[in-house]
Amino acid sequence: MNILIALGVPCMREAGTAGLVLQQAEELRKLGHRVDCWFFADVITKPRWPARLSDLEFAWRLSRRIRKNPTQYDVVNLLAPWGCVYGLSRKLFPSPDLPLYVFTMQGSEERYALVMRAEDRKGRATNFRWKNRLWHRVYHQTLYDLSISTAAFGAVANREGWTHSELKYRFQPGRIWYVPNGVNKEFFQPRTFCEGDATRLLFVGTWLDRKGIYYLVDAFTQLAPRLPSLTLTVAGCMLDEQQIRAYFPMEIRTRVSVVPFISREAMPAIYGGHDILVLPSLIEGMPLSLLEAMATAMPLVTTNTCGMADVIEDNFNGLLVPAANGPALAASIQRLRESPELRKSLGAQAQQTARRYTWDAIARQLETIFLQAVRSKRT
């Protein structure tokens, strides 16, 4: 098959969505397919629209570029929301030459709006006040609605988004699939567990309110005064040390280390050099950091919400806590750091679970969806 995967973000292997698309493309090529990836700069070299309309401008130019050479691809896999214009144009101006459109989505915009509205009430989501909520509903949610409803098939990275999309947009069963993200095989490494108390906590990800950063601060602030050896590393946050440390009380800031940017090649060593992964996200699609840490047999504490709960079973391969609950997060970290036996058990089961999520297996799931799309067009 000739496949196009397109998304309106910079081409950076270290970035979450861009990195997973590049990995998917690499694995699909190994299966014998020709795959092109178009990122923002491939479609728009000089933006002409206002910055807040950049998603729509990318979608518009992307659609025009695909329609100029409609026979170039058998199937186009456009990440939501950037498939909105092509999907709509394909419905309004159909042509047998146009490639089938398959959407991919990481999370749920409805879940995002619900969670961030609750955070705004607590004063912990200042970027989601009523004006931003209105703009989100009128603009962003409309783009997502069009991206999903006009597609022939779809792949969603968590079960909540999968079932919600199927029901909301009235897709027939078998048109939208649950396809989680994957993990590279180099992350599967042996781990040496310390026999005493664990002291090195790790958070991996951009420093955003939806990642539960305020609850991470709450938990560490609660634990640090009574555990003088406890440290926290914030990795891949894309902010400098001073900005991150400013979130913590003055007396414990020196115990917070910050690594703003990490190459993909360095990530296995980061996981291997820490004892416990803490991922307090309020909403996720399917976080790569979760799967990568599991592959290194790293014990972890995360939240019982979309994405994480698809992979983690509480007390089996990790610990789950309610989202937006700093005391519960602190209690689970304390429990895990004090029990070498629990860390070994959870870490071993986490690594075993991660073996079901290697990128070659995930690519075969995507291949199945693309093949179904091509066959449906022929019939």
Protein backbone atom coordinates (compact mmCIF):
# COMPACT_ATOMS: atom_id res chain seq x y z
CA MET A 1 0.00 0.00 0.00
CA ASN A 2 0.92 3.62 -0.51
CA ILE A 3 0.11 5.36 2.78
CA LEU A 4 0.15 9.00 3.87
CA ILE A 5 0.23 9.92 7.57
CA ALA A 6 -0.22 13.64 8.26
CA LEU A 7 -0.41 15.83 11.37
CA GLY A 8 0.00 19.53 12.04
CA VAL A 9 2.91 19.51 14.52
CA PRO A 10 6.69 19.94 14.15
CA CYS A 11 8.68 16.87 13.14
CA MET A 12 10.45 15.95 16.38
CA ARG A 13 11.12 12.34 17.34
CA GLU A 14 11.27 13.38 21.00
CA ALA A 15 7.77 14.92 20.88
CA GLY A 16 4.91 12.63 21.84
CA THR A 17 2.56 12.57 18.83
CA ALA A 18 5.26 13.22 16.23
CA GLY A 19 7.48 10.55 17.73
CA LEU A 20 4.82 7.87 17.68
CA VAL A 21 3.86 8.69 14.07
CA LEU A 22 7.49 8.37 12.95
CA GLN A 23 7.70 5.03 14.74
CA GLN A 24 4.46 3.79 13.16
CA ALA A 25 5.73 4.78 9.72
CA GLU A 26 9.03 3.00 10.28
CA GLU A 27 7.30 -0.24 11.28
CA LEU A 28 4.82 -0.07 8.38
CA ARG A 29 7.74 0.28 5.98
CA LYS A 30 9.23 -2.90 7.44
CA LEU A 31 5.96 -4.62 6.48
CA GLY A 32 6.56 -3.63 2.85
CA HIS A 33 4.44 -0.49 2.53
CA ARG A 34 5.47 2.90 1.17
CA VAL A 35 4.75 5.49 3.83
CA ASP A 36 5.08 9.28 3.66
CA CYS A 37 4.77 11.51 6.73
CA TRP A 38 3.73 15.13 6.37
CA PHE A 39 4.24 17.47 9.31
CA PHE A 40 3.38 21.14 9.71
CA ALA A 41 6.44 22.48 7.87
CA ASP A 42 5.92 20.02 4.99
CA VAL A 43 2.51 21.55 4.24
CA ILE A 44 2.88 25.17 5.42
CA THR A 45 6.22 26.85 4.85
CA LYS A 46 4.83 30.34 5.51
CA PRO A 47 1.62 30.63 7.57
CA ARG A 48 -0.88 33.17 6.25
CA TRP A 49 -3.72 32.78 8.74
CA PRO A 50 -3.78 33.97 12.37
CA ALA A 51 -1.91 31.66 14.75
CA ARG A 52 -5.06 30.62 16.59
CA LEU A 53 -6.42 29.24 13.28
CA SER A 54 -3.28 27.28 12.46
CA ASP A 55 -5.00 23.90 12.82
CA LEU A 56 -7.65 24.89 10.30
CA GLU A 57 -5.08 26.38 7.91
CA PHE A 58 -3.07 23.17 8.03
CA ALA A 59 -6.19 21.07 7.42
CA TRP A 60 -7.19 23.28 4.48
CA ARG A 61 -3.81 23.15 2.77
CA LEU A 62 -3.45 19.45 3.52
CA SER A 63 -6.74 18.70 1.78
CA ARG A 64 -5.80 20.75 -1.26
CA ARG A 65 -2.46 18.98 -1.54
CA ILE A 66 -4.03 15.52 -1.37
CA ARG A 67 -6.69 16.37 -3.95
CA LYS A 68 -4.12 17.75 -6.41
CA ASN A 69 -2.68 14.26 -6.83
CA PRO A 70 -5.49 11.92 -5.71
CA THR A 71 -4.00 8.69 -7.04
CA GLN A 72 -0.71 9.07 -5.16
CA TYR A 73 -1.95 7.17 -2.08
CA ASP A 74 -4.22 4.23 -1.41
CA VAL A 75 -5.15 5.48 2.04
CA VAL A 76 -4.53 8.67 4.02
CA ASN A 77 -4.25 8.47 7.80
CA LEU A 78 -4.91 11.99 9.13
CA LEU A 79 -4.71 12.68 12.83
CA ALA A 80 -7.66 14.51 14.37
CA PRO A 81 -8.39 17.37 14.10
CA TRP A 82 -6.41 17.85 10.87
CA GLY A 83 -8.55 15.54 8.73
CA CYS A 84 -11.62 17.78 9.04
CA VAL A 85 -11.33 19.59 5.69
CA TYR A 86 -10.32 16.57 3.61
CA GLY A 87 -13.03 14.42 5.16
CA LEU A 88 -15.70 17.04 4.54
CA SER A 89 -14.52 17.75 1.00
CA ARG A 90 -14.52 14.04 0.24
CA LYS A 91 -18.15 13.87 1.38
CA LEU A 92 -19.27 16.97 -0.53
CA PHE A 93 -17.20 16.42 -3.68
CA PRO A 94 -16.66 12.65 -3.96
CA SER A 95 -14.38 11.10 -6.52
CA PRO A 96 -13.44 7.45 -7.05
CA ASP A 97 -9.82 8.53 -7.39
CA LEU A 98 -9.56 10.02 -3.90
CA PRO A 99 -7.84 7.83 -1.29
CA LEU A 100 -9.83 6.49 1.66
CA TYR A 101 -9.57 8.57 4.81
CA VAL A 102 -8.77 6.92 8.15
CA PHE A 103 -8.64 9.17 11.22
CA THR A 104 -6.40 8.61 14.23
CA MET A 105 -7.05 10.15 17.63
CA GLN A 106 -5.10 9.99 20.86
CA GLY A 107 -7.64 11.17 23.45
CA SER A 108 -11.10 12.63 23.90
CA GLU A 109 -11.84 16.34 23.60
CA GLU A 110 -15.02 15.87 25.64
CA ARG A 111 -13.02 14.36 28.49
CA TYR A 112 -10.47 17.17 28.22
CA ALA A 113 -13.17 19.85 28.51
CA LEU A 114 -14.79 18.11 31.48
CA VAL A 115 -11.52 17.66 33.37
CA MET A 116 -10.12 21.11 32.72
CA ARG A 117 -13.37 22.83 33.66
CA ALA A 118 -13.18 21.10 37.05
CA GLU A 119 -9.55 22.22 37.37
CA ASP A 120 -10.49 25.80 36.55
CA ARG A 121 -12.90 25.79 39.49
CA LYS A 122 -9.92 24.97 41.71
CA GLY A 123 -7.81 27.74 40.18
CA ARG A 124 -5.52 25.17 38.57
CA ALA A 125 -6.34 25.71 34.90
CA THR A 126 -6.12 29.43 34.24
CA ASN A 127 -5.93 28.78 30.50
CA PHE A 128 -9.43 27.27 30.50
CA ARG A 129 -11.60 30.15 31.69
CA TRP A 130 -15.02 30.69 30.11
CA LYS A 131 -13.72 32.45 26.98
CA ASN A 132 -11.28 29.63 26.27
CA ARG A 133 -13.98 27.06 26.98
CA LEU A 134 -16.26 28.77 24.46
CA TRP A 135 -13.47 28.90 21.86
CA HIS A 136 -12.68 25.25 22.53
CA ARG A 137 -16.30 24.24 21.92
CA VAL A 138 -16.90 26.40 18.87
CA TYR A 139 -13.55 25.88 17.16
CA HIS A 140 -11.56 22.89 18.42
CA GLN A 141 -14.47 20.59 19.12
CA THR A 142 -16.01 21.36 15.71
CA LEU A 143 -12.76 20.40 13.97
CA TYR A 144 -12.66 17.13 15.90
CA ASP A 145 -16.31 16.42 15.15
CA LEU A 146 -15.73 16.86 11.43
CA SER A 147 -12.48 14.88 11.48
CA ILE A 148 -14.15 11.88 13.03
CA SER A 149 -17.62 11.93 11.47
CA THR A 150 -16.35 12.23 7.87
CA ALA A 151 -13.81 9.38 8.06
CA ALA A 152 -14.36 5.91 6.64
CA PHE A 153 -12.41 4.16 9.42
CA GLY A 154 -10.66 5.21 12.59
CA ALA A 155 -8.06 4.21 15.19
CA VAL A 156 -8.17 5.54 18.77
CA ALA A 157 -5.40 5.07 21.33
CA ASN A 158 -7.60 4.48 24.38
CA ARG A 159 -10.77 2.52 24.98
CA GLU A 160 -12.80 5.45 26.29
CA GLY A 161 -12.20 7.48 23.14
CA TRP A 162 -12.85 4.43 20.97
CA THR A 163 -16.27 3.59 22.39
CA HIS A 164 -17.27 7.25 22.73
CA SER A 165 -16.44 7.94 19.07
CA GLU A 166 -18.30 4.87 17.88
CA LEU A 167 -21.45 5.80 19.81
CA LYS A 168 -21.42 9.58 19.34
CA TYR A 169 -20.82 9.49 15.59
CA ARG A 170 -22.88 6.31 15.00
CA PHE A 171 -20.22 4.22 13.33
CA GLN A 172 -21.03 0.63 12.54
CA PRO A 173 -19.01 -1.91 14.56
CA GLY A 174 -15.65 -2.63 12.96
CA ARG A 175 -15.15 0.86 11.57
CA ILE A 176 -13.34 2.33 14.59
CA TRP A 177 -10.66 0.30 16.34
CA TYR A 178 -8.81 0.55 19.61
CA VAL A 179 -5.13 0.75 18.66
CA PRO A 180 -2.84 1.64 21.59
CA ASN A 181 0.59 3.18 21.26
CA GLY A 182 3.71 1.05 21.42
CA VAL A 183 7.20 0.80 22.85
CA ASN A 184 10.59 0.23 21.23
CA LYS A 185 12.36 -3.03 21.96
CA GLU A 186 15.48 -1.29 23.29
CA PHE A 187 13.52 -0.32 26.40
CA PHE A 188 13.27 -3.96 27.49
CA GLN A 189 16.21 -4.09 29.87
CA PRO A 190 16.93 -5.93 33.13
CA ARG A 191 16.46 -3.90 36.31
CA THR A 192 18.33 -4.10 39.60
CA PHE A 193 15.95 -3.26 42.45
CA CYS A 194 17.32 -1.64 45.58
CA GLU A 195 16.67 -3.66 48.73
CA GLY A 196 16.00 -0.65 50.98
CA ASP A 197 13.59 2.22 50.60
CA ALA A 198 13.28 3.69 47.11
CA THR A 199 14.34 7.34 46.99
CA ARG A 200 14.43 8.40 43.32
CA LEU A 201 11.09 9.48 41.84
CA LEU A 202 10.70 10.28 38.14
CA PHE A 203 8.14 12.30 36.19
CA VAL A 204 8.42 12.27 32.38
CA GLY A 205 6.44 14.62 30.18
CA THR A 206 5.65 18.22 29.33
CA TRP A 207 4.89 20.39 32.36
CA LEU A 208 1.17 21.00 31.78
CA ASP A 209 -1.83 21.22 34.07
CA ARG A 210 -3.54 18.30 32.33
CA LYS A 211 -0.55 16.15 33.29
CA GLY A 212 -1.53 16.55 36.94
CA ILE A 213 1.52 18.61 37.84
CA TYR A 214 -0.18 20.36 40.76
CA TYR A 215 -0.97 17.01 42.36
CA LEU A 216 2.60 15.85 41.82
CA VAL A 217 3.74 18.99 43.65
CA ASP A 218 1.20 18.31 46.42
CA ALA A 219 2.39 14.72 46.88
CA PHE A 220 6.09 15.54 46.87
CA THR A 221 5.55 18.49 49.22
CA GLN A 222 3.73 16.18 51.62
CA LEU A 223 6.38 13.43 51.52
CA ALA A 224 9.64 15.37 51.30
CA PRO A 225 9.76 16.84 54.85
CA ARG A 226 9.48 13.40 56.48
CA LEU A 227 11.71 11.61 53.95
CA PRO A 228 14.97 13.58 53.67
CA SER A 229 16.49 11.22 51.10
CA LEU A 230 13.55 11.45 48.67
CA THR A 231 14.28 13.22 45.34
CA LEU A 232 12.27 13.97 42.21
CA THR A 233 13.47 14.26 38.63
CA VAL A 234 11.30 16.08 36.09
CA ALA A 235 12.41 14.99 32.62
CA GLY A 236 11.36 16.13 29.15
CA CYS A 237 9.38 19.07 30.55
CA MET A 238 10.54 21.61 27.91
CA LEU A 239 11.00 24.26 30.65
CA ASP A 240 14.11 25.33 32.52
CA GLU A 241 14.98 24.39 36.08
CA GLN A 242 13.98 27.69 37.66
CA GLN A 243 10.48 27.58 36.18
CA ILE A 244 9.84 24.03 37.43
CA ARG A 245 11.33 24.54 40.89
CA ALA A 246 9.18 27.63 41.41
CA TYR A 247 6.16 25.33 41.77
CA PHE A 248 7.65 23.75 44.91
CA PRO A 249 8.17 25.22 48.41
CA MET A 250 11.54 26.89 48.84
CA GLU A 251 12.84 24.39 51.40
CA ILE A 252 12.58 21.37 49.05
CA ARG A 253 13.46 22.93 45.69
CA THR A 254 17.05 21.66 45.74
CA ARG A 255 15.69 18.10 45.81
CA VAL A 256 13.98 18.59 42.44
CA SER A 257 16.20 17.94 39.41
CA VAL A 258 15.10 19.12 35.96
CA VAL A 259 16.12 17.73 32.57
CA PRO A 260 14.25 19.91 30.04
CA PHE A 261 15.06 17.84 26.95
CA ILE A 262 16.09 14.22 26.49
CA SER A 263 16.93 12.40 23.26
CA ARG A 264 15.10 9.18 22.52
CA GLU A 265 18.37 7.25 22.80
CA ALA A 266 18.92 8.50 26.37
CA MET A 267 15.47 7.59 27.68
CA PRO A 268 16.18 3.94 28.70
CA ALA A 269 19.01 5.14 30.94
CA ILE A 270 16.73 7.74 32.54
CA TYR A 271 14.21 5.08 33.51
CA GLY A 272 16.95 2.73 34.65
CA GLY A 273 18.45 5.40 36.91
CA HIS A 274 15.26 5.93 38.94
CA ASP A 275 13.15 3.81 41.27
CA ILE A 276 9.50 4.84 40.76
CA LEU A 277 7.66 6.53 37.89
CA VAL A 278 4.96 8.96 39.00
CA LEU A 279 2.42 9.82 36.29
CA PRO A 280 -0.49 11.81 37.82
CA SER A 281 -2.13 12.79 34.51
CA LEU A 282 -5.74 13.95 34.54
CA ILE A 283 -6.25 12.96 30.92
CA GLU A 284 -4.10 11.11 28.39
CA GLY A 285 -4.42 9.25 25.14
CA MET A 286 -1.90 6.47 25.69
CA PRO A 287 1.27 7.95 27.26
CA LEU A 288 4.52 6.67 25.77
CA SER A 289 6.29 7.29 29.08
CA LEU A 290 3.99 4.77 30.75
CA LEU A 291 4.79 2.00 28.25
CA GLU A 292 8.50 2.83 28.18
CA ALA A 293 8.81 2.72 31.97
CA MET A 294 6.92 -0.59 32.07
CA ALA A 295 9.30 -2.07 29.51
CA THR A 296 12.23 -1.26 31.81
CA ALA A 297 10.45 -3.08 34.67
CA MET A 298 9.97 0.20 36.50
CA PRO A 299 7.31 0.18 39.24
CA LEU A 300 4.89 3.05 38.85
CA VAL A 301 2.04 5.04 40.33
CA THR A 302 -0.49 6.56 37.95
CA THR A 303 -4.12 7.64 37.79
CA ASN A 304 -7.18 5.51 37.21
CA THR A 305 -8.37 7.32 34.11
CA CYS A 306 -8.36 7.00 30.31
CA GLY A 307 -5.20 5.63 28.74
CA MET A 308 -3.47 4.53 31.92
CA ALA A 309 -6.33 2.30 33.09
CA ASP A 310 -6.27 0.49 29.73
CA VAL A 311 -2.83 -0.89 30.55
CA ILE A 312 -2.42 -0.82 34.34
CA GLU A 313 -4.26 -3.20 36.66
CA ASP A 314 -4.06 -1.98 40.24
CA ASN A 315 -1.74 -4.02 42.48
CA PHE A 316 -0.79 -6.27 39.56
CA ASN A 317 1.48 -4.27 37.25
CA GLY A 318 1.27 -0.85 38.90
CA LEU A 319 -0.65 1.23 41.40
CA LEU A 320 -3.70 3.26 40.39
CA VAL A 321 -4.98 6.27 42.32
CA PRO A 322 -7.93 8.60 41.68
CA ALA A 323 -7.08 11.52 39.42
CA ALA A 324 -6.68 14.97 41.01
CA ASN A 325 -5.93 13.55 44.45
CA GLY A 326 -2.58 14.59 45.93
CA PRO A 327 -2.94 12.73 49.27
CA ALA A 328 -3.84 9.45 47.51
CA LEU A 329 -0.87 9.90 45.19
CA ALA A 330 1.45 10.49 48.15
CA ALA A 331 0.10 7.45 50.00
CA SER A 332 0.74 5.12 47.05
CA ILE A 333 4.24 6.51 46.52
CA GLN A 334 4.95 5.93 50.23
CA ARG A 335 3.63 2.39 50.05
CA LEU A 336 5.70 1.55 46.99
CA ARG A 337 8.93 3.14 48.22
CA GLU A 338 8.82 1.15 51.49
CA SER A 339 8.30 -2.28 49.91
CA PRO A 340 11.08 -3.82 47.78
CA GLU A 341 8.92 -6.92 47.29
CA LEU A 342 6.03 -4.90 45.88
CA ARG A 343 8.35 -2.96 43.57
CA LYS A 344 9.87 -6.17 42.22
CA SER A 345 6.46 -7.79 41.70
CA LEU A 346 4.87 -4.80 39.99
CA GLY A 347 7.97 -4.12 37.90
CA ALA A 348 8.20 -7.71 36.64
CA GLN A 349 4.52 -7.80 35.70
CA ALA A 350 4.74 -4.37 34.08
CA GLN A 351 7.56 -5.52 31.83
CA GLN A 352 5.65 -8.66 30.90
CA THR A 353 2.58 -6.57 30.04
CA ALA A 354 4.64 -4.17 27.92
CA ARG A 355 5.73 -7.04 25.67
CA ARG A 356 2.22 -7.02 24.21
CA TYR A 357 2.70 -3.41 23.11
CA THR A 358 5.80 -3.54 20.92
CA TRP A 359 5.65 -1.27 17.88
CA ASP A 360 5.79 -4.15 15.40
CA ALA A 361 2.59 -5.58 16.91
CA ILE A 362 0.88 -2.18 16.89
CA ALA A 363 1.88 -1.60 13.26
CA ARG A 364 0.18 -4.84 12.26
CA GLN A 365 -3.05 -3.59 13.84
CA LEU A 366 -2.81 -0.38 11.81
CA GLU A 367 -2.03 -2.37 8.69
CA THR A 368 -5.24 -4.37 9.20
CA ILE A 369 -7.33 -1.19 9.37
CA PHE A 370 -5.69 0.30 6.27
CA LEU A 371 -6.22 -2.92 4.32
CA GLN A 372 -9.88 -2.97 5.30
CA ALA A 373 -10.22 0.64 4.13
CA VAL A 374 -8.66 -0.17 0.74
CA ARG A 375 -10.86 -3.26 0.30
CA SER A 376 -13.98 -1.31 1.19
CA LYS A 377 -13.21 1.20 -1.55
CA ARG A 378 -12.76 -1.57 -4.12
CA THR A 379 -16.11 -3.12 -3.24
